[in-house]
Amino acid sequence: MSRKVSVRKSVFAADEQYAFKIREMFKDKGILMLNIIGSPGAGKTTLLEATLKSLPFKAAVIEGDVATSRDAERISKTGTPVIQINTQGGCHLEAHLVWKALQDLPMEELDIIFVENVGNLVCPAEFDLGEDYKVAVCSVPEGPDKPLKYPHLFFRAGVVLLTKVDFLEHFNFDKELFWGDVKKLNPHAAQLEVASPVGKGMDAWFEILEKWLVEKRR
């Protein structure tokens, strides 16, 4: 048992060094970095597409997937610099992979970097990528029970986005239960309801991004 614990610690320690390097670099450059975490199909890429089309800041995206470059191809159509990371079976991104990807981005031109993590509510929440905030994304079709089932993510998130709210009338989704559980886990997290393809909630999302960027540069 002690041997397994020591190996786990060494893996985390090595990756945390990269997370520290990323955080220090972005502190100097005044770049905001967000780690977007949600289940497959929660609407992470759709949210990014809508964000990048109207965002009044210069941004880039790092896309994490087990395989394929389809999400990166969608992002590239917005004209945004994007780097694809395929984990080849890994269930989350790690800081050393992000550090390597950052070397191919035009750092001096950027205000915000979005990292779309591998679709998963467990492992991505445990690994520090050097981000300023974790963004938890849940969708109406997934049901309202995700916060208590996957508490670690919601406990650490800077903002929780409930997506696909334009489908609320088609699902038995208990919003009071969902947001009540979020508040129990993390009363300080911002709470947003969005339907990004039709623009619902996007102004509030942009306000949070601007607030965080101003705070970072202050």
C-alpha atoms as a PDB file:
ATOM      1  CA  MET A   1       0.000   0.000   0.000  1.00  0.00           C
ATOM      2  CA  SER A   2       2.750   2.487   0.903  1.00  0.00           C
ATOM      3  CA  ARG A   3       4.424   1.849  -2.415  1.00  0.00           C
ATOM      4  CA  LYS A   4       1.264   2.759  -4.336  1.00  0.00           C
ATOM      5  CA  VAL A   5       0.840   5.950  -2.352  1.00  0.00           C
ATOM      6  CA  SER A   6       4.424   7.043  -2.980  1.00  0.00           C
ATOM      7  CA  VAL A   7       4.075   6.460  -6.736  1.00  0.00           C
ATOM      8  CA  ARG A   8       0.850   8.461  -6.809  1.00  0.00           C
ATOM      9  CA  LYS A   9       2.494  11.300  -4.910  1.00  0.00           C
ATOM     10  CA  SER A  10       5.457  11.374  -7.276  1.00  0.00           C
ATOM     11  CA  VAL A  11       3.165  11.587 -10.312  1.00  0.00           C
ATOM     12  CA  PHE A  12       1.236  14.488  -8.815  1.00  0.00           C
ATOM     13  CA  ALA A  13       4.423  16.238  -7.663  1.00  0.00           C
ATOM     14  CA  ALA A  14       6.039  16.106 -11.091  1.00  0.00           C
ATOM     15  CA  ASP A  15       2.947  17.484 -12.780  1.00  0.00           C
ATOM     16  CA  GLU A  16       2.469  20.174 -10.153  1.00  0.00           C
ATOM     17  CA  GLN A  17       5.854  21.600 -11.137  1.00  0.00           C
ATOM     18  CA  TYR A  18       4.499  22.220 -14.625  1.00  0.00           C
ATOM     19  CA  ALA A  19       1.304  23.703 -13.192  1.00  0.00           C
ATOM     20  CA  PHE A  20       3.439  26.085 -11.137  1.00  0.00           C
ATOM     21  CA  LYS A  21       5.451  27.102 -14.230  1.00  0.00           C
ATOM     22  CA  ILE A  22       2.255  27.776 -16.173  1.00  0.00           C
ATOM     23  CA  ARG A  23       0.739  29.820 -13.354  1.00  0.00           C
ATOM     24  CA  GLU A  24       3.878  31.934 -12.943  1.00  0.00           C
ATOM     25  CA  MET A  25       4.185  32.534 -16.685  1.00  0.00           C
ATOM     26  CA  PHE A  26       0.593  33.698 -16.992  1.00  0.00           C
ATOM     27  CA  LYS A  27       0.940  35.850 -13.899  1.00  0.00           C
ATOM     28  CA  ASP A  28       3.767  37.722 -15.607  1.00  0.00           C
ATOM     29  CA  LYS A  29       1.940  37.957 -18.930  1.00  0.00           C
ATOM     30  CA  GLY A  30      -1.481  38.822 -17.482  1.00  0.00           C
ATOM     31  CA  ILE A  31      -3.193  35.975 -19.320  1.00  0.00           C
ATOM     32  CA  LEU A  32      -6.325  34.399 -17.839  1.00  0.00           C
ATOM     33  CA  MET A  33      -6.523  30.607 -18.144  1.00  0.00           C
ATOM     34  CA  LEU A  34      -9.720  28.628 -17.629  1.00  0.00           C
ATOM     35  CA  ASN A  35     -10.101  24.847 -17.310  1.00  0.00           C
ATOM     36  CA  ILE A  36     -13.501  23.845 -18.714  1.00  0.00           C
ATOM     37  CA  ILE A  37     -14.726  20.523 -17.307  1.00  0.00           C
ATOM     38  CA  GLY A  38     -17.908  18.614 -18.088  1.00  0.00           C
ATOM     39  CA  SER A  39     -19.323  15.320 -19.292  1.00  0.00           C
ATOM     40  CA  PRO A  40     -19.258  14.308 -22.971  1.00  0.00           C
ATOM     41  CA  GLY A  41     -22.130  16.114 -24.663  1.00  0.00           C
ATOM     42  CA  ALA A  42     -22.562  18.727 -21.934  1.00  0.00           C
ATOM     43  CA  GLY A  43     -22.053  21.512 -24.473  1.00  0.00           C
ATOM     44  CA  LYS A  44     -18.460  22.571 -23.744  1.00  0.00           C
ATOM     45  CA  THR A  45     -17.439  23.001 -27.380  1.00  0.00           C
ATOM     46  CA  THR A  46     -20.725  24.661 -28.306  1.00  0.00           C
ATOM     47  CA  LEU A  47     -20.224  27.115 -25.438  1.00  0.00           C
ATOM     48  CA  LEU A  48     -16.720  27.885 -26.680  1.00  0.00           C
ATOM     49  CA  GLU A  49     -17.897  28.398 -30.260  1.00  0.00           C
ATOM     50  CA  ALA A  50     -20.502  30.926 -29.144  1.00  0.00           C
ATOM     51  CA  THR A  51     -18.015  32.579 -26.774  1.00  0.00           C
ATOM     52  CA  LEU A  52     -15.266  32.987 -29.340  1.00  0.00           C
ATOM     53  CA  LYS A  53     -17.572  34.460 -31.974  1.00  0.00           C
ATOM     54  CA  SER A  54     -18.448  37.412 -29.740  1.00  0.00           C
ATOM     55  CA  LEU A  55     -15.660  37.626 -27.157  1.00  0.00           C
ATOM     56  CA  PRO A  56     -14.132  41.122 -27.032  1.00  0.00           C
ATOM     57  CA  PHE A  57     -10.745  39.693 -26.043  1.00  0.00           C
ATOM     58  CA  LYS A  58      -8.047  37.789 -27.881  1.00  0.00           C
ATOM     59  CA  ALA A  59      -8.246  34.109 -27.014  1.00  0.00           C
ATOM     60  CA  ALA A  60      -6.815  30.701 -27.827  1.00  0.00           C
ATOM     61  CA  VAL A  61      -8.044  27.187 -27.072  1.00  0.00           C
ATOM     62  CA  ILE A  62      -6.386  23.936 -26.042  1.00  0.00           C
ATOM     63  CA  GLU A  63      -8.636  20.996 -26.869  1.00  0.00           C
ATOM     64  CA  GLY A  64      -8.340  17.763 -24.891  1.00  0.00           C
ATOM     65  CA  ASP A  65      -9.847  14.548 -26.239  1.00  0.00           C
ATOM     66  CA  VAL A  66      -9.091  10.857 -26.054  1.00  0.00           C
ATOM     67  CA  ALA A  67      -9.003  10.754 -29.865  1.00  0.00           C
ATOM     68  CA  THR A  68      -9.872  12.751 -33.025  1.00  0.00           C
ATOM     69  CA  SER A  69      -9.462  16.454 -33.737  1.00  0.00           C
ATOM     70  CA  ARG A  70     -13.139  17.160 -34.438  1.00  0.00           C
ATOM     71  CA  ASP A  71     -13.638  19.657 -31.609  1.00  0.00           C
ATOM     72  CA  ALA A  72     -10.460  21.503 -32.578  1.00  0.00           C
ATOM     73  CA  GLU A  73     -11.713  21.679 -36.164  1.00  0.00           C
ATOM     74  CA  ARG A  74     -14.948  23.261 -34.946  1.00  0.00           C
ATOM     75  CA  ILE A  75     -13.025  25.830 -32.908  1.00  0.00           C
ATOM     76  CA  SER A  76     -10.674  26.670 -35.786  1.00  0.00           C
ATOM     77  CA  LYS A  77     -13.653  27.761 -37.894  1.00  0.00           C
ATOM     78  CA  THR A  78     -14.092  30.723 -35.511  1.00  0.00           C
ATOM     79  CA  GLY A  79     -10.614  31.925 -36.494  1.00  0.00           C
ATOM     80  CA  THR A  80      -9.243  31.197 -33.027  1.00  0.00           C
ATOM     81  CA  PRO A  81      -5.783  29.631 -32.525  1.00  0.00           C
ATOM     82  CA  VAL A  82      -6.330  26.092 -31.267  1.00  0.00           C
ATOM     83  CA  ILE A  83      -4.072  23.190 -30.260  1.00  0.00           C
ATOM     84  CA  GLN A  84      -5.380  19.622 -30.082  1.00  0.00           C
ATOM     85  CA  ILE A  85      -4.146  17.225 -27.397  1.00  0.00           C
ATOM     86  CA  ASN A  86      -5.117  13.567 -27.773  1.00  0.00           C
ATOM     87  CA  THR A  87      -4.585  11.596 -24.578  1.00  0.00           C
ATOM     88  CA  GLN A  88      -4.705   8.197 -26.323  1.00  0.00           C
ATOM     89  CA  GLY A  89      -6.935   6.711 -23.634  1.00  0.00           C
ATOM     90  CA  GLY A  90      -6.175   9.060 -20.747  1.00  0.00           C
ATOM     91  CA  CYS A  91      -9.271  10.400 -18.987  1.00  0.00           C
ATOM     92  CA  HIS A  92      -7.889  13.901 -18.308  1.00  0.00           C
ATOM     93  CA  LEU A  93      -5.307  16.462 -19.346  1.00  0.00           C
ATOM     94  CA  GLU A  94      -2.145  16.950 -17.319  1.00  0.00           C
ATOM     95  CA  ALA A  95      -0.068  20.076 -16.861  1.00  0.00           C
ATOM     96  CA  HIS A  96       2.974  18.810 -18.741  1.00  0.00           C
ATOM     97  CA  LEU A  97       0.792  18.238 -21.824  1.00  0.00           C
ATOM     98  CA  VAL A  98      -0.661  21.726 -21.534  1.00  0.00           C
ATOM     99  CA  TRP A  99       2.806  23.237 -21.080  1.00  0.00           C
ATOM    100  CA  LYS A 100       3.964  21.610 -24.297  1.00  0.00           C
ATOM    101  CA  ALA A 101       0.889  22.833 -26.195  1.00  0.00           C
ATOM    102  CA  LEU A 102       1.392  26.388 -24.957  1.00  0.00           C
ATOM    103  CA  GLN A 103       4.703  26.611 -26.780  1.00  0.00           C
ATOM    104  CA  ASP A 104       2.801  26.690 -30.079  1.00  0.00           C
ATOM    105  CA  LEU A 105       0.437  29.536 -29.163  1.00  0.00           C
ATOM    106  CA  PRO A 106       1.033  33.274 -29.820  1.00  0.00           C
ATOM    107  CA  MET A 107       1.332  34.188 -26.125  1.00  0.00           C
ATOM    108  CA  GLU A 108       2.125  37.862 -26.615  1.00  0.00           C
ATOM    109  CA  GLU A 109      -1.163  38.380 -28.459  1.00  0.00           C
ATOM    110  CA  LEU A 110      -3.522  36.666 -25.978  1.00  0.00           C
ATOM    111  CA  ASP A 111      -5.810  37.717 -23.157  1.00  0.00           C
ATOM    112  CA  ILE A 112      -7.512  34.412 -22.344  1.00  0.00           C
ATOM    113  CA  ILE A 113      -6.696  30.739 -22.869  1.00  0.00           C
ATOM    114  CA  PHE A 114      -9.523  28.227 -22.645  1.00  0.00           C
ATOM    115  CA  VAL A 115      -8.642  24.601 -21.954  1.00  0.00           C
ATOM    116  CA  GLU A 116     -11.449  22.212 -22.854  1.00  0.00           C
ATOM    117  CA  ASN A 117     -10.640  19.146 -20.811  1.00  0.00           C
ATOM    118  CA  VAL A 118     -11.475  15.552 -21.692  1.00  0.00           C
ATOM    119  CA  GLY A 119     -15.183  14.812 -21.176  1.00  0.00           C
ATOM    120  CA  ASN A 120     -15.249  13.575 -17.583  1.00  0.00           C
ATOM    121  CA  LEU A 121     -16.494  14.888 -14.232  1.00  0.00           C
ATOM    122  CA  VAL A 122     -13.985  13.021 -12.052  1.00  0.00           C
ATOM    123  CA  CYS A 123     -10.304  12.939 -13.033  1.00  0.00           C
ATOM    124  CA  PRO A 124     -10.021  16.396 -14.666  1.00  0.00           C
ATOM    125  CA  ALA A 125     -11.143  18.010 -11.409  1.00  0.00           C
ATOM    126  CA  GLU A 126      -8.245  16.449  -9.506  1.00  0.00           C
ATOM    127  CA  PHE A 127      -5.395  17.670 -11.713  1.00  0.00           C
ATOM    128  CA  ASP A 128      -4.101  21.239 -11.537  1.00  0.00           C
ATOM    129  CA  LEU A 129      -3.229  22.595 -14.974  1.00  0.00           C
ATOM    130  CA  GLY A 130      -2.090  25.965 -13.690  1.00  0.00           C
ATOM    131  CA  GLU A 131      -5.491  27.484 -14.448  1.00  0.00           C
ATOM    132  CA  ASP A 132      -6.973  30.475 -12.682  1.00  0.00           C
ATOM    133  CA  TYR A 133     -10.424  28.912 -12.445  1.00  0.00           C
ATOM    134  CA  LYS A 134     -12.180  25.646 -13.114  1.00  0.00           C
ATOM    135  CA  VAL A 135     -15.449  25.994 -15.042  1.00  0.00           C
ATOM    136  CA  ALA A 136     -18.004  23.259 -14.316  1.00  0.00           C
ATOM    137  CA  VAL A 137     -20.401  22.599 -17.189  1.00  0.00           C
ATOM    138  CA  CYS A 138     -23.594  20.548 -16.800  1.00  0.00           C
ATOM    139  CA  SER A 139     -26.512  20.234 -19.193  1.00  0.00           C
ATOM    140  CA  VAL A 140     -30.236  19.885 -18.614  1.00  0.00           C
ATOM    141  CA  PRO A 141     -30.451  16.446 -20.324  1.00  0.00           C
ATOM    142  CA  GLU A 142     -27.913  15.036 -17.817  1.00  0.00           C
ATOM    143  CA  GLY A 143     -30.310  15.525 -14.908  1.00  0.00           C
ATOM    144  CA  PRO A 144     -30.016  17.581 -11.708  1.00  0.00           C
ATOM    145  CA  ASP A 145     -28.061  15.108  -9.568  1.00  0.00           C
ATOM    146  CA  LYS A 146     -24.539  15.713 -10.855  1.00  0.00           C
ATOM    147  CA  PRO A 147     -23.262  18.124  -8.149  1.00  0.00           C
ATOM    148  CA  LEU A 148     -23.667  15.649  -5.277  1.00  0.00           C
ATOM    149  CA  LYS A 149     -22.526  12.704  -7.401  1.00  0.00           C
ATOM    150  CA  TYR A 150     -19.333  14.500  -8.425  1.00  0.00           C
ATOM    151  CA  PRO A 151     -18.749  16.955  -5.556  1.00  0.00           C
ATOM    152  CA  HIS A 152     -15.022  17.552  -6.048  1.00  0.00           C
ATOM    153  CA  LEU A 153     -15.519  19.472  -9.286  1.00  0.00           C
ATOM    154  CA  PHE A 154     -18.340  21.635  -7.983  1.00  0.00           C
ATOM    155  CA  PHE A 155     -16.527  22.328  -4.735  1.00  0.00           C
ATOM    156  CA  ARG A 156     -13.560  23.759  -6.660  1.00  0.00           C
ATOM    157  CA  ALA A 157     -15.329  25.509  -9.551  1.00  0.00           C
ATOM    158  CA  GLY A 158     -15.197  29.266  -9.950  1.00  0.00           C
ATOM    159  CA  VAL A 159     -18.409  29.177 -11.969  1.00  0.00           C
ATOM    160  CA  VAL A 160     -21.049  26.528 -12.665  1.00  0.00           C
ATOM    161  CA  LEU A 161     -22.828  26.719 -16.024  1.00  0.00           C
ATOM    162  CA  LEU A 162     -26.091  24.881 -16.629  1.00  0.00           C
ATOM    163  CA  THR A 163     -26.309  24.538 -20.399  1.00  0.00           C
ATOM    164  CA  LYS A 164     -29.123  23.677 -22.822  1.00  0.00           C
ATOM    165  CA  VAL A 165     -31.697  25.467 -20.695  1.00  0.00           C
ATOM    166  CA  ASP A 166     -33.756  25.992 -23.839  1.00  0.00           C
ATOM    167  CA  PHE A 167     -34.691  22.294 -23.438  1.00  0.00           C
ATOM    168  CA  LEU A 168     -36.031  22.622 -19.898  1.00  0.00           C
ATOM    169  CA  GLU A 169     -39.632  22.141 -20.993  1.00  0.00           C
ATOM    170  CA  HIS A 170     -38.736  18.754 -22.492  1.00  0.00           C
ATOM    171  CA  PHE A 171     -37.032  17.326 -19.376  1.00  0.00           C
ATOM    172  CA  ASN A 172     -38.069  16.776 -15.788  1.00  0.00           C
ATOM    173  CA  PHE A 173     -35.171  18.868 -14.506  1.00  0.00           C
ATOM    174  CA  ASP A 174     -35.386  20.108 -10.922  1.00  0.00           C
ATOM    175  CA  LYS A 175     -33.532  23.439 -10.997  1.00  0.00           C
ATOM    176  CA  GLU A 176     -34.148  24.076  -7.314  1.00  0.00           C
ATOM    177  CA  LEU A 177     -32.474  20.783  -6.424  1.00  0.00           C
ATOM    178  CA  PHE A 178     -29.557  21.375  -8.793  1.00  0.00           C
ATOM    179  CA  TRP A 179     -28.710  24.904  -7.669  1.00  0.00           C
ATOM    180  CA  GLY A 180     -29.409  24.050  -4.040  1.00  0.00           C
ATOM    181  CA  ASP A 181     -26.794  21.287  -4.177  1.00  0.00           C
ATOM    182  CA  VAL A 182     -24.319  23.584  -5.946  1.00  0.00           C
ATOM    183  CA  LYS A 183     -24.768  26.207  -3.245  1.00  0.00           C
ATOM    184  CA  LYS A 184     -24.248  23.631  -0.480  1.00  0.00           C
ATOM    185  CA  LEU A 185     -20.970  22.527  -2.036  1.00  0.00           C
ATOM    186  CA  ASN A 186     -19.715  25.939  -3.115  1.00  0.00           C
ATOM    187  CA  PRO A 187     -21.673  29.030  -2.065  1.00  0.00           C
ATOM    188  CA  HIS A 188     -19.075  31.303  -3.693  1.00  0.00           C
ATOM    189  CA  ALA A 189     -19.269  29.890  -7.230  1.00  0.00           C
ATOM    190  CA  ALA A 190     -21.032  32.012  -9.831  1.00  0.00           C
ATOM    191  CA  GLN A 191     -24.170  30.355 -11.200  1.00  0.00           C
ATOM    192  CA  LEU A 192     -25.212  30.748 -14.830  1.00  0.00           C
ATOM    193  CA  GLU A 193     -27.936  29.283 -17.019  1.00  0.00           C
ATOM    194  CA  VAL A 194     -27.092  29.360 -20.708  1.00  0.00           C
ATOM    195  CA  ALA A 195     -28.348  28.299 -24.087  1.00  0.00           C
ATOM    196  CA  SER A 196     -25.317  29.371 -26.063  1.00  0.00           C
ATOM    197  CA  PRO A 197     -26.600  28.739 -29.621  1.00  0.00           C
ATOM    198  CA  VAL A 198     -29.393  31.280 -29.055  1.00  0.00           C
ATOM    199  CA  GLY A 199     -27.322  33.629 -26.884  1.00  0.00           C
ATOM    200  CA  LYS A 200     -29.169  33.105 -23.604  1.00  0.00           C
ATOM    201  CA  GLY A 201     -26.935  33.818 -20.607  1.00  0.00           C
ATOM    202  CA  MET A 202     -23.934  34.770 -22.709  1.00  0.00           C
ATOM    203  CA  ASP A 203     -23.817  38.416 -21.584  1.00  0.00           C
ATOM    204  CA  ALA A 204     -23.506  37.275 -17.968  1.00  0.00           C
ATOM    205  CA  TRP A 205     -20.764  34.828 -19.013  1.00  0.00           C
ATOM    206  CA  PHE A 206     -18.822  37.617 -20.745  1.00  0.00           C
ATOM    207  CA  GLU A 207     -19.152  39.800 -17.647  1.00  0.00           C
ATOM    208  CA  ILE A 208     -17.547  37.077 -15.529  1.00  0.00           C
ATOM    209  CA  LEU A 209     -14.699  36.648 -18.025  1.00  0.00           C
ATOM    210  CA  GLU A 210     -14.043  40.395 -18.074  1.00  0.00           C
ATOM    211  CA  LYS A 211     -14.151  40.584 -14.268  1.00  0.00           C
ATOM    212  CA  TRP A 212     -11.660  37.741 -13.922  1.00  0.00           C
ATOM    213  CA  LEU A 213      -9.329  39.198 -16.550  1.00  0.00           C
ATOM    214  CA  VAL A 214      -9.344  42.625 -14.877  1.00  0.00           C
ATOM    215  CA  GLU A 215      -8.627  41.011 -11.508  1.00  0.00           C
ATOM    216  CA  LYS A 216      -5.791  38.978 -13.003  1.00  0.00           C
ATOM    217  CA  ARG A 217      -4.124  42.050 -14.461  1.00  0.00           C
ATOM    218  CA  ARG A 218      -4.658  44.151 -11.384  1.00  0.00           C
END
